[in-house]
Amino acid sequence: MGWRYKAGLFLIAAVVIIWVTSAEVTQ
């Protein structure tokens, strides 16, 4: 439960950050 859970959260956070930055660039 430990490292897999952290890896999942890290992946989701990375996707959100990339989505937000790309959205800001397009506007």
N, C-alpha and C. Protein backbone atom coordinates (compact mmCIF):
# COMPACT_ATOMS: atom_id res chain seq x y z
N MET A 1 0.83 -1.20 0.00
CA MET A 1 0.00 0.00 0.00
C MET A 1 0.87 1.26 0.00
N GLY A 2 2.09 1.17 0.46
CA GLY A 2 2.90 2.37 0.65
C GLY A 2 3.38 3.02 -0.64
N TRP A 3 4.35 2.38 -1.29
CA TRP A 3 4.97 3.04 -2.45
C TRP A 3 4.03 3.10 -3.64
N ARG A 4 3.15 2.11 -3.78
CA ARG A 4 2.20 2.16 -4.91
C ARG A 4 1.25 3.34 -4.74
N TYR A 5 0.80 3.55 -3.51
CA TYR A 5 -0.13 4.66 -3.25
C TYR A 5 0.55 6.00 -3.54
N LYS A 6 1.81 6.13 -3.08
CA LYS A 6 2.54 7.38 -3.33
C LYS A 6 2.80 7.56 -4.81
N ALA A 7 3.12 6.49 -5.52
CA ALA A 7 3.38 6.59 -6.95
C ALA A 7 2.12 7.04 -7.69
N GLY A 8 0.97 6.53 -7.28
CA GLY A 8 -0.29 6.92 -7.90
C GLY A 8 -0.58 8.40 -7.68
N LEU A 9 -0.39 8.84 -6.44
CA LEU A 9 -0.63 10.25 -6.14
C LEU A 9 0.32 11.13 -6.93
N PHE A 10 1.59 10.70 -7.03
CA PHE A 10 2.58 11.49 -7.77
C PHE A 10 2.20 11.58 -9.24
N LEU A 11 1.73 10.47 -9.80
CA LEU A 11 1.32 10.47 -11.21
C LEU A 11 0.15 11.43 -11.43
N ILE A 12 -0.85 11.36 -10.55
CA ILE A 12 -2.01 12.23 -10.69
C ILE A 12 -1.60 13.70 -10.56
N ALA A 13 -0.73 13.98 -9.58
CA ALA A 13 -0.27 15.36 -9.37
C ALA A 13 0.48 15.86 -10.60
N ALA A 14 1.32 14.99 -11.19
CA ALA A 14 2.09 15.39 -12.36
C ALA A 14 1.15 15.71 -13.53
N VAL A 15 0.13 14.88 -13.72
CA VAL A 15 -0.82 15.11 -14.81
C VAL A 15 -1.56 16.42 -14.60
N VAL A 16 -1.97 16.68 -13.37
CA VAL A 16 -2.70 17.92 -13.08
C VAL A 16 -1.81 19.14 -13.33
N ILE A 17 -0.56 19.07 -12.89
CA ILE A 17 0.36 20.20 -13.08
C ILE A 17 0.59 20.45 -14.57
N ILE A 18 0.79 19.37 -15.34
CA ILE A 18 1.02 19.52 -16.78
C ILE A 18 -0.23 20.09 -17.45
N TRP A 19 -1.42 19.64 -17.01
CA TRP A 19 -2.66 20.12 -17.61
C TRP A 19 -2.86 21.61 -17.31
N VAL A 20 -2.57 22.01 -16.07
CA VAL A 20 -2.75 23.41 -15.69
C VAL A 20 -1.78 24.30 -16.46
N THR A 21 -0.52 23.89 -16.55
CA THR A 21 0.47 24.71 -17.25
C THR A 21 0.12 24.82 -18.73
N SER A 22 -0.30 23.73 -19.34
CA SER A 22 -0.65 23.76 -20.76
C SER A 22 -1.89 24.62 -20.97
N ALA A 23 -2.83 24.57 -20.04
CA ALA A 23 -4.04 25.39 -20.17
C ALA A 23 -3.68 26.87 -20.05
N GLU A 24 -2.74 27.20 -19.16
CA GLU A 24 -2.33 28.59 -19.02
C GLU A 24 -1.59 29.08 -20.25
N VAL A 25 -0.83 28.20 -20.89
CA VAL A 25 -0.07 28.58 -22.08
C VAL A 25 -1.02 28.86 -23.24
N THR A 26 -2.08 28.06 -23.37
CA THR A 26 -2.98 28.22 -24.51
C THR A 26 -3.82 29.49 -24.36
N GLN A 27 -4.10 29.92 -23.16
CA GLN A 27 -4.93 31.11 -22.98
C GLN A 27 -4.15 32.39 -23.24
